[in-house]
Amino acid sequence: HWARDRTRGATLPLEFVIAKQTRDTALSYGLTDRGVLAPGMR
């Protein structure tokens, strides 16, 4: 909806919404080993 299909207003960048559901949620609970695709991460 937010990064592709919305018609009744502005959309949001795909990179932004994925960060909100991965890195940001992980860090909010101290899960520092996940949420990002980078060497050393789960």
Full PDB file with SEQRES, HELIX, SHEET, SSBOND, CRYST1, ORIGX, SCALE, CONECT and MASTER records, all heavy atoms in Angstrom:
SEQRES   1 A   42  HIS TRP ALA ARG ASP ARG THR ARG GLY ALA THR LEU PRO          
SEQRES   2 A   42  LEU GLU PHE VAL ILE ALA LYS GLN THR ARG ASP THR ALA          
SEQRES   3 A   42  LEU SER TYR GLY LEU THR ASP ARG GLY VAL LEU ALA PRO          
SEQRES   4 A   42  GLY MET ARG                                                  
HELIX    1 AA1 LEU A   14  GLN A   21  1                                   8    
HELIX    2 AA2 ARG A   23  SER A   28  1                                   6    
CRYST1    1.000    1.000    1.000  90.00  90.00  90.00 P 1           1          
ORIGX1      1.000000  0.000000  0.000000        0.00000                         
ORIGX2      0.000000  1.000000  0.000000        0.00000                         
ORIGX3      0.000000  0.000000  1.000000        0.00000                         
SCALE1      1.000000  0.000000  0.000000        0.00000                         
SCALE2      0.000000  1.000000  0.000000        0.00000                         
SCALE3      0.000000  0.000000  1.000000        0.00000                         
ATOM      1  N   HIS A   1       0.829  -1.215   0.000  1.00  0.00           N  
ATOM      2  CA  HIS A   1       0.000   0.000   0.000  1.00  0.00           C  
ATOM      3  C   HIS A   1       0.857   1.256   0.000  1.00  0.00           C  
ATOM      4  O   HIS A   1       0.668   2.139  -0.852  1.00  0.00           O  
ATOM      5  CB  HIS A   1      -0.921   0.004   1.216  1.00  0.00           C  
ATOM      6  CG  HIS A   1      -1.881   1.157   1.233  1.00  0.00           C  
ATOM      7  ND1 HIS A   1      -3.011   1.182   0.458  1.00  0.00           N  
ATOM      8  CD2 HIS A   1      -1.873   2.339   1.921  1.00  0.00           C  
ATOM      9  CE1 HIS A   1      -3.662   2.319   0.663  1.00  0.00           C  
ATOM     10  NE2 HIS A   1      -2.993   3.037   1.552  1.00  0.00           N  
ATOM     11  N   TRP A   2       1.783   1.330   0.935  1.00  0.00           N  
ATOM     12  CA  TRP A   2       2.500   2.583   1.123  1.00  0.00           C  
ATOM     13  C   TRP A   2       3.626   2.800   0.136  1.00  0.00           C  
ATOM     14  O   TRP A   2       3.956   3.956  -0.177  1.00  0.00           O  
ATOM     15  CB  TRP A   2       3.019   2.661   2.559  1.00  0.00           C  
ATOM     16  CG  TRP A   2       1.904   2.878   3.528  1.00  0.00           C  
ATOM     17  CD1 TRP A   2       1.367   1.986   4.399  1.00  0.00           C  
ATOM     18  CD2 TRP A   2       1.141   4.083   3.700  1.00  0.00           C  
ATOM     19  NE1 TRP A   2       0.324   2.550   5.100  1.00  0.00           N  
ATOM     20  CE2 TRP A   2       0.171   3.843   4.690  1.00  0.00           C  
ATOM     21  CE3 TRP A   2       1.188   5.344   3.091  1.00  0.00           C  
ATOM     22  CZ2 TRP A   2      -0.739   4.815   5.105  1.00  0.00           C  
ATOM     23  CZ3 TRP A   2       0.285   6.316   3.500  1.00  0.00           C  
ATOM     24  CH2 TRP A   2      -0.665   6.053   4.497  1.00  0.00           C  
ATOM     25  N   ALA A   3       4.215   1.746  -0.381  1.00  0.00           N  
ATOM     26  CA  ALA A   3       5.337   1.927  -1.317  1.00  0.00           C  
ATOM     27  C   ALA A   3       4.964   1.646  -2.765  1.00  0.00           C  
ATOM     28  O   ALA A   3       5.797   1.815  -3.650  1.00  0.00           O  
ATOM     29  CB  ALA A   3       6.499   1.022  -0.908  1.00  0.00           C  
ATOM     30  N   ARG A   4       3.692   1.259  -3.026  1.00  0.00           N  
ATOM     31  CA  ARG A   4       3.360   0.879  -4.406  1.00  0.00           C  
ATOM     32  C   ARG A   4       1.960   1.276  -4.842  1.00  0.00           C  
ATOM     33  O   ARG A   4       1.802   1.898  -5.904  1.00  0.00           O  
ATOM     34  CB  ARG A   4       3.532  -0.652  -4.558  1.00  0.00           C  
ATOM     35  CG  ARG A   4       3.491  -1.160  -5.987  1.00  0.00           C  
ATOM     36  CD  ARG A   4       3.485  -2.679  -6.017  1.00  0.00           C  
ATOM     37  NE  ARG A   4       2.229  -3.244  -5.511  1.00  0.00           N  
ATOM     38  CZ  ARG A   4       2.050  -4.530  -5.226  1.00  0.00           C  
ATOM     39  NH1 ARG A   4       3.068  -5.382  -5.344  1.00  0.00           N  
ATOM     40  NH2 ARG A   4       0.877  -4.958  -4.799  1.00  0.00           N  
ATOM     41  N   ASP A   5       0.928   0.961  -4.076  1.00  0.00           N  
ATOM     42  CA  ASP A   5      -0.438   0.958  -4.606  1.00  0.00           C  
ATOM     43  C   ASP A   5      -1.310   2.130  -4.185  1.00  0.00           C  
ATOM     44  O   ASP A   5      -2.396   2.303  -4.737  1.00  0.00           O  
ATOM     45  CB  ASP A   5      -1.161  -0.331  -4.181  1.00  0.00           C  
ATOM     46  CG  ASP A   5      -0.532  -1.576  -4.764  1.00  0.00           C  
ATOM     47  OD1 ASP A   5       0.201  -1.465  -5.761  1.00  0.00           O  
ATOM     48  OD2 ASP A   5      -0.771  -2.676  -4.212  1.00  0.00           O  
ATOM     49  N   ARG A   6      -0.890   2.931  -3.247  1.00  0.00           N  
ATOM     50  CA  ARG A   6      -1.797   3.941  -2.697  1.00  0.00           C  
ATOM     51  C   ARG A   6      -2.221   4.948  -3.764  1.00  0.00           C  
ATOM     52  O   ARG A   6      -1.397   5.441  -4.541  1.00  0.00           O  
ATOM     53  CB  ARG A   6      -1.144   4.676  -1.532  1.00  0.00           C  
ATOM     54  CG  ARG A   6      -2.133   5.557  -0.771  1.00  0.00           C  
ATOM     55  CD  ARG A   6      -1.512   6.173   0.468  1.00  0.00           C  
ATOM     56  NE  ARG A   6      -2.547   6.831   1.270  1.00  0.00           N  
ATOM     57  CZ  ARG A   6      -2.448   8.069   1.716  1.00  0.00           C  
ATOM     58  NH1 ARG A   6      -1.370   8.797   1.471  1.00  0.00           N  
ATOM     59  NH2 ARG A   6      -3.439   8.595   2.429  1.00  0.00           N  
ATOM     60  N   THR A   7      -3.530   5.278  -3.786  1.00  0.00           N  
ATOM     61  CA  THR A   7      -4.076   6.227  -4.760  1.00  0.00           C  
ATOM     62  C   THR A   7      -4.700   7.454  -4.109  1.00  0.00           C  
ATOM     63  O   THR A   7      -4.948   8.449  -4.792  1.00  0.00           O  
ATOM     64  CB  THR A   7      -5.150   5.550  -5.641  1.00  0.00           C  
ATOM     65  OG1 THR A   7      -6.212   5.060  -4.809  1.00  0.00           O  
ATOM     66  CG2 THR A   7      -4.550   4.397  -6.435  1.00  0.00           C  
ATOM     67  N   ARG A   8      -4.966   7.407  -2.810  1.00  0.00           N  
ATOM     68  CA  ARG A   8      -5.663   8.509  -2.140  1.00  0.00           C  
ATOM     69  C   ARG A   8      -4.702   9.410  -1.368  1.00  0.00           C  
ATOM     70  O   ARG A   8      -5.063  10.005  -0.363  1.00  0.00           O  
ATOM     71  CB  ARG A   8      -6.747   7.965  -1.203  1.00  0.00           C  
ATOM     72  CG  ARG A   8      -7.852   7.200  -1.911  1.00  0.00           C  
ATOM     73  CD  ARG A   8      -8.992   6.890  -0.957  1.00  0.00           C  
ATOM     74  NE  ARG A   8      -9.577   8.099  -0.420  1.00  0.00           N  
ATOM     75  CZ  ARG A   8     -10.114   8.199   0.796  1.00  0.00           C  
ATOM     76  NH1 ARG A   8     -10.137   7.136   1.594  1.00  0.00           N  
ATOM     77  NH2 ARG A   8     -10.631   9.340   1.220  1.00  0.00           N  
ATOM     78  N   GLY A   9      -3.481   9.532  -1.848  1.00  0.00           N  
ATOM     79  CA  GLY A   9      -2.497  10.379  -1.191  1.00  0.00           C  
ATOM     80  C   GLY A   9      -1.095   9.906  -1.509  1.00  0.00           C  
ATOM     81  O   GLY A   9      -0.880   9.002  -2.321  1.00  0.00           O  
ATOM     82  N   ALA A  10      -0.129  10.532  -0.855  1.00  0.00           N  
ATOM     83  CA  ALA A  10       1.278  10.256  -1.137  1.00  0.00           C  
ATOM     84  C   ALA A  10       1.665   8.848  -0.704  1.00  0.00           C  
ATOM     85  O   ALA A  10       1.131   8.298   0.261  1.00  0.00           O  
ATOM     86  CB  ALA A  10       2.153  11.278  -0.427  1.00  0.00           C  
ATOM     87  N   THR A  11       2.608   8.274  -1.433  1.00  0.00           N  
ATOM     88  CA  THR A  11       3.213   7.006  -1.051  1.00  0.00           C  
ATOM     89  C   THR A  11       4.494   7.285  -0.264  1.00  0.00           C  
ATOM     90  O   THR A  11       4.875   8.439  -0.043  1.00  0.00           O  
ATOM     91  CB  THR A  11       3.526   6.152  -2.278  1.00  0.00           C  
ATOM     92  OG1 THR A  11       4.372   6.896  -3.167  1.00  0.00           O  
ATOM     93  CG2 THR A  11       2.241   5.767  -3.018  1.00  0.00           C  
ATOM     94  N   LEU A  12       5.156   6.234   0.170  1.00  0.00           N  
ATOM     95  CA  LEU A  12       6.400   6.350   0.919  1.00  0.00           C  
ATOM     96  C   LEU A  12       7.475   5.516   0.230  1.00  0.00           C  
ATOM     97  O   LEU A  12       7.182   4.499  -0.398  1.00  0.00           O  
ATOM     98  CB  LEU A  12       6.206   5.852   2.355  1.00  0.00           C  
ATOM     99  CG  LEU A  12       5.198   6.631   3.202  1.00  0.00           C  
ATOM    100  CD1 LEU A  12       4.918   5.890   4.509  1.00  0.00           C  
ATOM    101  CD2 LEU A  12       5.707   8.030   3.494  1.00  0.00           C  
ATOM    102  N   PRO A  13       8.741   5.918   0.347  1.00  0.00           N  
ATOM    103  CA  PRO A  13       9.818   5.156  -0.307  1.00  0.00           C  
ATOM    104  C   PRO A  13       9.904   3.732   0.242  1.00  0.00           C  
ATOM    105  O   PRO A  13       9.791   3.510   1.452  1.00  0.00           O  
ATOM    106  CB  PRO A  13      11.080   5.955   0.029  1.00  0.00           C  
ATOM    107  CG  PRO A  13      10.597   7.333   0.365  1.00  0.00           C  
ATOM    108  CD  PRO A  13       9.251   7.137   1.003  1.00  0.00           C  
ATOM    109  N   LEU A  14      10.118   2.791  -0.652  1.00  0.00           N  
ATOM    110  CA  LEU A  14      10.222   1.391  -0.246  1.00  0.00           C  
ATOM    111  C   LEU A  14      11.346   1.200   0.772  1.00  0.00           C  
ATOM    112  O   LEU A  14      11.182   0.464   1.760  1.00  0.00           O  
ATOM    113  CB  LEU A  14      10.469   0.519  -1.481  1.00  0.00           C  
ATOM    114  CG  LEU A  14      10.616  -0.984  -1.227  1.00  0.00           C  
ATOM    115  CD1 LEU A  14       9.328  -1.560  -0.653  1.00  0.00           C  
ATOM    116  CD2 LEU A  14      10.997  -1.706  -2.522  1.00  0.00           C  
ATOM    117  N   GLU A  15      12.487   1.830   0.531  1.00  0.00           N  
ATOM    118  CA  GLU A  15      13.615   1.680   1.446  1.00  0.00           C  
ATOM    119  C   GLU A  15      13.250   2.153   2.860  1.00  0.00           C  
ATOM    120  O   GLU A  15      13.664   1.566   3.854  1.00  0.00           O  
ATOM    121  CB  GLU A  15      14.817   2.474   0.939  1.00  0.00           C  
ATOM    122  CG  GLU A  15      15.398   1.946  -0.358  1.00  0.00           C  
ATOM    123  CD  GLU A  15      14.728   2.502  -1.614  1.00  0.00           C  
ATOM    124  OE1 GLU A  15      13.635   3.114  -1.491  1.00  0.00           O  
ATOM    125  OE2 GLU A  15      15.290   2.332  -2.698  1.00  0.00           O  
ATOM    126  N   PHE A  16      12.462   3.220   2.923  1.00  0.00           N  
ATOM    127  CA  PHE A  16      12.055   3.781   4.211  1.00  0.00           C  
ATOM    128  C   PHE A  16      11.139   2.830   4.964  1.00  0.00           C  
ATOM    129  O   PHE A  16      11.337   2.565   6.159  1.00  0.00           O  
ATOM    130  CB  PHE A  16      11.360   5.127   3.986  1.00  0.00           C  
ATOM    131  CG  PHE A  16      10.740   5.713   5.216  1.00  0.00           C  
ATOM    132  CD1 PHE A  16      11.526   6.342   6.170  1.00  0.00           C  
ATOM    133  CD2 PHE A  16       9.368   5.650   5.425  1.00  0.00           C  
ATOM    134  CE1 PHE A  16      10.963   6.884   7.319  1.00  0.00           C  
ATOM    135  CE2 PHE A  16       8.794   6.189   6.558  1.00  0.00           C  
ATOM    136  CZ  PHE A  16       9.600   6.809   7.510  1.00  0.00           C  
ATOM    137  N   VAL A  17      10.120   2.290   4.301  1.00  0.00           N  
ATOM    138  CA  VAL A  17       9.161   1.444   5.021  1.00  0.00           C  
ATOM    139  C   VAL A  17       9.801   0.132   5.437  1.00  0.00           C  
ATOM    140  O   VAL A  17       9.465  -0.427   6.494  1.00  0.00           O  
ATOM    141  CB  VAL A  17       7.868   1.214   4.207  1.00  0.00           C  
ATOM    142  CG1 VAL A  17       7.162   2.529   3.948  1.00  0.00           C  
ATOM    143  CG2 VAL A  17       8.110   0.465   2.923  1.00  0.00           C  
ATOM    144  N   ILE A  18      10.726  -0.383   4.642  1.00  0.00           N  
ATOM    145  CA  ILE A  18      11.398  -1.626   5.038  1.00  0.00           C  
ATOM    146  C   ILE A  18      12.299  -1.377   6.244  1.00  0.00           C  
ATOM    147  O   ILE A  18      12.343  -2.192   7.177  1.00  0.00           O  
ATOM    148  CB  ILE A  18      12.165  -2.228   3.854  1.00  0.00           C  
ATOM    149  CG1 ILE A  18      11.163  -2.846   2.866  1.00  0.00           C  
ATOM    150  CG2 ILE A  18      13.183  -3.272   4.321  1.00  0.00           C  
ATOM    151  CD1 ILE A  18      11.766  -3.407   1.619  1.00  0.00           C  
ATOM    152  N   ALA A  19      12.979  -0.250   6.287  1.00  0.00           N  
ATOM    153  CA  ALA A  19      13.792   0.083   7.466  1.00  0.00           C  
ATOM    154  C   ALA A  19      12.914   0.186   8.714  1.00  0.00           C  
ATOM    155  O   ALA A  19      13.313  -0.243   9.805  1.00  0.00           O  
ATOM    156  CB  ALA A  19      14.556   1.378   7.238  1.00  0.00           C  
ATOM    157  N   LYS A  20      11.702   0.731   8.556  1.00  0.00           N  
ATOM    158  CA  LYS A  20      10.806   0.875   9.701  1.00  0.00           C  
ATOM    159  C   LYS A  20      10.402  -0.480  10.280  1.00  0.00           C  
ATOM    160  O   LYS A  20      10.145  -0.585  11.484  1.00  0.00           O  
ATOM    161  CB  LYS A  20       9.532   1.635   9.301  1.00  0.00           C  
ATOM    162  CG  LYS A  20       9.728   3.073   8.905  1.00  0.00           C  
ATOM    163  CD  LYS A  20      10.017   3.998  10.086  1.00  0.00           C  
ATOM    164  CE  LYS A  20       8.802   4.347  10.881  1.00  0.00           C  
ATOM    165  NZ  LYS A  20       9.046   5.483  11.820  1.00  0.00           N  
ATOM    166  N   GLN A  21      10.332  -1.523   9.429  1.00  0.00           N  
ATOM    167  CA  GLN A  21       9.855  -2.837   9.861  1.00  0.00           C  
ATOM    168  C   GLN A  21      11.006  -3.806  10.149  1.00  0.00           C  
ATOM    169  O   GLN A  21      10.769  -4.935  10.565  1.00  0.00           O  
ATOM    170  CB  GLN A  21       8.931  -3.432   8.803  1.00  0.00           C  
ATOM    171  CG  GLN A  21       8.161  -4.677   9.215  1.00  0.00           C  
ATOM    172  CD  GLN A  21       7.088  -4.423  10.256  1.00  0.00           C  
ATOM    173  OE1 GLN A  21       6.089  -3.774   9.977  1.00  0.00           O  
ATOM    174  NE2 GLN A  21       7.289  -4.917  11.470  1.00  0.00           N  
ATOM    175  N   THR A  22      12.240  -3.354   9.985  1.00  0.00           N  
ATOM    176  CA  THR A  22      13.381  -4.255  10.183  1.00  0.00           C  
ATOM    177  C   THR A  22      14.369  -3.658  11.184  1.00  0.00           C  
ATOM    178  O   THR A  22      14.289  -3.928  12.378  1.00  0.00           O  
ATOM    179  CB  THR A  22      14.063  -4.573   8.841  1.00  0.00           C  
ATOM    180  OG1 THR A  22      14.437  -3.349   8.159  1.00  0.00           O  
ATOM    181  CG2 THR A  22      13.147  -5.372   7.937  1.00  0.00           C  
ATOM    182  N   ARG A  23      15.259  -2.799  10.711  1.00  0.00           N  
ATOM    183  CA  ARG A  23      16.262  -2.217  11.617  1.00  0.00           C  
ATOM    184  C   ARG A  23      15.609  -1.490  12.786  1.00  0.00           C  
ATOM    185  O   ARG A  23      15.998  -1.678  13.954  1.00  0.00           O  
ATOM    186  CB  ARG A  23      17.153  -1.234  10.847  1.00  0.00           C  
ATOM    187  CG  ARG A  23      18.194  -0.525  11.719  1.00  0.00           C  
ATOM    188  CD  ARG A  23      18.756   0.698  11.033  1.00  0.00           C  
ATOM    189  NE  ARG A  23      17.703   1.685  10.744  1.00  0.00           N  
ATOM    190  CZ  ARG A  23      17.902   2.779  10.019  1.00  0.00           C  
ATOM    191  NH1 ARG A  23      19.105   3.013   9.501  1.00  0.00           N  
ATOM    192  NH2 ARG A  23      16.911   3.636   9.806  1.00  0.00           N  
ATOM    193  N   ASP A  24      14.609  -0.646  12.486  1.00  0.00           N  
ATOM    194  CA  ASP A  24      14.049   0.210  13.534  1.00  0.00           C  
ATOM    195  C   ASP A  24      13.321  -0.602  14.608  1.00  0.00           C  
ATOM    196  O   ASP A  24      13.466  -0.333  15.800  1.00  0.00           O  
ATOM    197  CB  ASP A  24      13.102   1.241  12.923  1.00  0.00           C  
ATOM    198  CG  ASP A  24      13.823   2.246  12.040  1.00  0.00           C  
ATOM    199  OD1 ASP A  24      15.065   2.146  11.910  1.00  0.00           O  
ATOM    200  OD2 ASP A  24      13.153   3.127  11.469  1.00  0.00           O  
ATOM    201  N   THR A  25      12.522  -1.576  14.194  1.00  0.00           N  
ATOM    202  CA  THR A  25      11.827  -2.396  15.186  1.00  0.00           C  
ATOM    203  C   THR A  25      12.810  -3.263  15.961  1.00  0.00           C  
ATOM    204  O   THR A  25      12.659  -3.450  17.171  1.00  0.00           O  
ATOM    205  CB  THR A  25      10.758  -3.281  14.518  1.00  0.00           C  
ATOM    206  OG1 THR A  25      11.294  -3.865  13.323  1.00  0.00           O  
ATOM    207  CG2 THR A  25       9.523  -2.458  14.155  1.00  0.00           C  
ATOM    208  N   ALA A  26      13.818  -3.780  15.280  1.00  0.00           N  
ATOM    209  CA  ALA A  26      14.817  -4.607  15.972  1.00  0.00           C  
ATOM    210  C   ALA A  26      15.546  -3.790  17.036  1.00  0.00           C  
ATOM    211  O   ALA A  26      15.678  -4.220  18.193  1.00  0.00           O  
ATOM    212  CB  ALA A  26      15.803  -5.189  14.968  1.00  0.00           C  
ATOM    213  N   LEU A  27      16.004  -2.616  16.668  1.00  0.00           N  
ATOM    214  CA  LEU A  27      16.757  -1.800  17.625  1.00  0.00           C  
ATOM    215  C   LEU A  27      15.890  -1.342  18.782  1.00  0.00           C  
ATOM    216  O   LEU A  27      16.385  -1.158  19.899  1.00  0.00           O  
ATOM    217  CB  LEU A  27      17.371  -0.591  16.916  1.00  0.00           C  
ATOM    218  CG  LEU A  27      18.502  -0.894  15.936  1.00  0.00           C  
ATOM    219  CD1 LEU A  27      18.998   0.381  15.276  1.00  0.00           C  
ATOM    220  CD2 LEU A  27      19.661  -1.619  16.639  1.00  0.00           C  
ATOM    221  N   SER A  28      14.600  -1.155  18.551  1.00  0.00           N  
ATOM    222  CA  SER A  28      13.727  -0.687  19.626  1.00  0.00           C  
ATOM    223  C   SER A  28      13.647  -1.702  20.764  1.00  0.00           C  
ATOM    224  O   SER A  28      13.302  -1.333  21.890  1.00  0.00           O  
ATOM    225  CB  SER A  28      12.325  -0.384  19.078  1.00  0.00           C  
ATOM    226  OG  SER A  28      11.607  -1.576  18.785  1.00  0.00           O  
ATOM    227  N   TYR A  29      13.969  -2.963  20.494  1.00  0.00           N  
ATOM    228  CA  TYR A  29      13.992  -3.999  21.524  1.00  0.00           C  
ATOM    229  C   TYR A  29      15.394  -4.559  21.754  1.00  0.00           C  
ATOM    230  O   TYR A  29      15.553  -5.659  22.284  1.00  0.00           O  
ATOM    231  CB  TYR A  29      12.999  -5.110  21.192  1.00  0.00           C  
ATOM    232  CG  TYR A  29      11.651  -4.845  21.829  1.00  0.00           C  
ATOM    233  CD1 TYR A  29      10.754  -3.971  21.241  1.00  0.00           C  
ATOM    234  CD2 TYR A  29      11.306  -5.410  23.046  1.00  0.00           C  
ATOM    235  CE1 TYR A  29       9.540  -3.679  21.837  1.00  0.00           C  
ATOM    236  CE2 TYR A  29      10.100  -5.134  23.661  1.00  0.00           C  
ATOM    237  CZ  TYR A  29       9.219  -4.262  23.047  1.00  0.00           C  
ATOM    238  OH  TYR A  29       8.019  -3.961  23.654  1.00  0.00           O  
ATOM    239  N   GLY A  30      16.389  -3.807  21.346  1.00  0.00           N  
ATOM    240  CA  GLY A  30      17.758  -4.219  21.616  1.00  0.00           C  
ATOM    241  C   GLY A  30      18.218  -5.426  20.840  1.00  0.00           C  
ATOM    242  O   GLY A  30      19.192  -6.085  21.227  1.00  0.00           O  
ATOM    243  N   LEU A  31      17.529  -5.732  19.734  1.00  0.00           N  
ATOM    244  CA  LEU A  31      17.898  -6.887  18.908  1.00  0.00           C  
ATOM    245  C   LEU A  31      18.913  -6.427  17.863  1.00  0.00           C  
ATOM    246  O   LEU A  31      18.610  -6.244  16.683  1.00  0.00           O  
ATOM    247  CB  LEU A  31      16.650  -7.477  18.249  1.00  0.00           C  
ATOM    248  CG  LEU A  31      15.596  -7.998  19.244  1.00  0.00           C  
ATOM    249  CD1 LEU A  31      14.277  -8.267  18.539  1.00  0.00           C  
ATOM    250  CD2 LEU A  31      16.091  -9.257  19.947  1.00  0.00           C  
ATOM    251  N   THR A  32      20.120  -6.235  18.305  1.00  0.00           N  
ATOM    252  CA  THR A  32      21.137  -5.607  17.462  1.00  0.00           C  
ATOM    253  C   THR A  32      21.766  -6.563  16.454  1.00  0.00           C  
ATOM    254  O   THR A  32      22.566  -6.135  15.617  1.00  0.00           O  
ATOM    255  CB  THR A  32      22.257  -5.022  18.343  1.00  0.00           C  
ATOM    256  OG1 THR A  32      22.808  -6.064  19.170  1.00  0.00           O  
ATOM    257  CG2 THR A  32      21.701  -3.920  19.238  1.00  0.00           C  
ATOM    258  N   ASP A  33      21.394  -7.842  16.512  1.00  0.00           N  
ATOM    259  CA  ASP A  33      22.008  -8.822  15.615  1.00  0.00           C  
ATOM    260  C   ASP A  33      21.175  -9.079  14.372  1.00  0.00           C  
ATOM    261  O   ASP A  33      21.512  -9.952  13.567  1.00  0.00           O  
ATOM    262  CB  ASP A  33      22.234 -10.147  16.343  1.00  0.00           C  
ATOM    263  CG  ASP A  33      20.931 -10.793  16.812  1.00  0.00           C  
ATOM    264  OD1 ASP A  33      19.900 -10.088  16.870  1.00  0.00           O  
ATOM    265  OD2 ASP A  33      20.940 -12.004  17.133  1.00  0.00           O  
ATOM    266  N   ARG A  34      20.085  -8.341  14.171  1.00  0.00           N  
ATOM    267  CA  ARG A  34      19.171  -8.603  13.046  1.00  0.00           C  
ATOM    268  C   ARG A  34      18.573  -7.296  12.553  1.00  0.00           C  
ATOM    269  O   ARG A  34      18.750  -6.243  13.151  1.00  0.00           O  
ATOM    270  CB  ARG A  34      18.079  -9.580  13.483  1.00  0.00           C  
ATOM    271  CG  ARG A  34      17.139  -9.044  14.543  1.00  0.00           C  
ATOM    272  CD  ARG A  34      16.393 -10.154  15.262  1.00  0.00           C  
ATOM    273  NE  ARG A  34      17.297 -10.980  16.057  1.00  0.00           N  
ATOM    274  CZ  ARG A  34      17.047 -12.218  16.443  1.00  0.00           C  
ATOM    275  NH1 ARG A  34      15.900 -12.786  16.132  1.00  0.00           N  
ATOM    276  NH2 ARG A  34      17.916 -12.911  17.163  1.00  0.00           N  
ATOM    277  N   GLY A  35      17.852  -7.386  11.428  1.00  0.00           N  
ATOM    278  CA  GLY A  35      17.168  -6.207  10.899  1.00  0.00           C  
ATOM    279  C   GLY A  35      17.911  -5.487   9.805  1.00  0.00           C  
ATOM    280  O   GLY A  35      17.377  -4.547   9.203  1.00  0.00           O  
ATOM    281  N   VAL A  36      19.146  -5.908   9.511  1.00  0.00           N  
ATOM    282  CA  VAL A  36      19.957  -5.290   8.456  1.00  0.00           C  
ATOM    283  C   VAL A  36      20.686  -6.409   7.706  1.00  0.00           C  
ATOM    284  O   VAL A  36      21.166  -7.361   8.319  1.00  0.00           O  
ATOM    285  CB  VAL A  36      20.985  -4.299   9.049  1.00  0.00           C  
ATOM    286  CG1 VAL A  36      21.946  -3.805   7.981  1.00  0.00           C  
ATOM    287  CG2 VAL A  36      20.278  -3.114   9.700  1.00  0.00           C  
ATOM    288  N   LEU A  37      20.743  -6.267   6.387  1.00  0.00           N  
ATOM    289  CA  LEU A  37      21.542  -7.198   5.577  1.00  0.00           C  
ATOM    290  C   LEU A  37      22.954  -6.639   5.463  1.00  0.00           C  
ATOM    291  O   LEU A  37      23.229  -5.745   4.671  1.00  0.00           O  
ATOM    292  CB  LEU A  37      20.915  -7.369   4.195  1.00  0.00           C  
ATOM    293  CG  LEU A  37      19.574  -8.110   4.143  1.00  0.00           C  
ATOM    294  CD1 LEU A  37      19.089  -8.221   2.697  1.00  0.00           C  
ATOM    295  CD2 LEU A  37      19.687  -9.501   4.765  1.00  0.00           C  
ATOM    296  N   ALA A  38      23.836  -7.166   6.300  1.00  0.00           N  
ATOM    297  CA  ALA A  38      25.230  -6.731   6.320  1.00  0.00           C  
ATOM    298  C   ALA A  38      26.061  -7.859   6.907  1.00  0.00           C  
ATOM    299  O   ALA A  38      25.555  -8.674   7.687  1.00  0.00           O  
ATOM    300  CB  ALA A  38      25.399  -5.459   7.152  1.00  0.00           C  
ATOM    301  N   PRO A  39      27.339  -7.944   6.544  1.00  0.00           N  
ATOM    302  CA  PRO A  39      28.189  -8.997   7.105  1.00  0.00           C  
ATOM    303  C   PRO A  39      28.179  -8.986   8.625  1.00  0.00           C  
ATOM    304  O   PRO A  39      28.250  -7.935   9.267  1.00  0.00           O  
ATOM    305  CB  PRO A  39      29.578  -8.649   6.552  1.00  0.00           C  
ATOM    306  CG  PRO A  39      29.294  -7.942   5.267  1.00  0.00           C  
ATOM    307  CD  PRO A  39      28.050  -7.137   5.530  1.00  0.00           C  
ATOM    308  N   GLY A  40      28.015 -10.184   9.202  1.00  0.00           N  
ATOM    309  CA  GLY A  40      27.986 -10.342  10.644  1.00  0.00           C  
ATOM    310  C   GLY A  40      26.589 -10.360  11.245  1.00  0.00           C  
ATOM    311  O   GLY A  40      26.429 -10.709  12.414  1.00  0.00           O  
ATOM    312  N   MET A  41      25.588 -10.002  10.449  1.00  0.00           N  
ATOM    313  CA  MET A  41      24.215 -10.002  10.952  1.00  0.00           C  
ATOM    314  C   MET A  41      23.555 -11.355  10.690  1.00  0.00           C  
ATOM    315  O   MET A  41      23.958 -12.107   9.793  1.00  0.00           O  
ATOM    316  CB  MET A  41      23.409  -8.888  10.279  1.00  0.00           C  
ATOM    317  CG  MET A  41      23.975  -7.492  10.486  1.00  0.00           C  
ATOM    318  SD  MET A  41      23.925  -6.956  12.207  1.00  0.00           S  
ATOM    319  CE  MET A  41      22.224  -6.424  12.333  1.00  0.00           C  
ATOM    320  N   ARG A  42      22.528 -11.655  11.491  1.00  0.00           N  
ATOM    321  CA  ARG A  42      21.786 -12.896  11.294  1.00  0.00           C  
ATOM    322  C   ARG A  42      21.205 -12.956   9.885  1.00  0.00           C  
ATOM    323  O   ARG A  42      20.729 -11.944   9.343  1.00  0.00           O  
ATOM    324  CB  ARG A  42      20.645 -12.998  12.299  1.00  0.00           C  
ATOM    325  CG  ARG A  42      21.018 -13.637  13.614  1.00  0.00           C  
ATOM    326  CD  ARG A  42      19.841 -13.582  14.560  1.00  0.00           C  
ATOM    327  NE  ARG A  42      18.664 -14.232  13.989  1.00  0.00           N  
ATOM    328  CZ  ARG A  42      18.294 -15.475  14.264  1.00  0.00           C  
ATOM    329  NH1 ARG A  42      19.019 -16.225  15.056  1.00  0.00           N  
ATOM    330  NH2 ARG A  42      17.197 -15.983  13.744  1.00  0.00           N  
TER     331      ARG A  42                                                      
MASTER        0    0    0    2    0    0    0    6  330    1    0    4          
END                                                                             
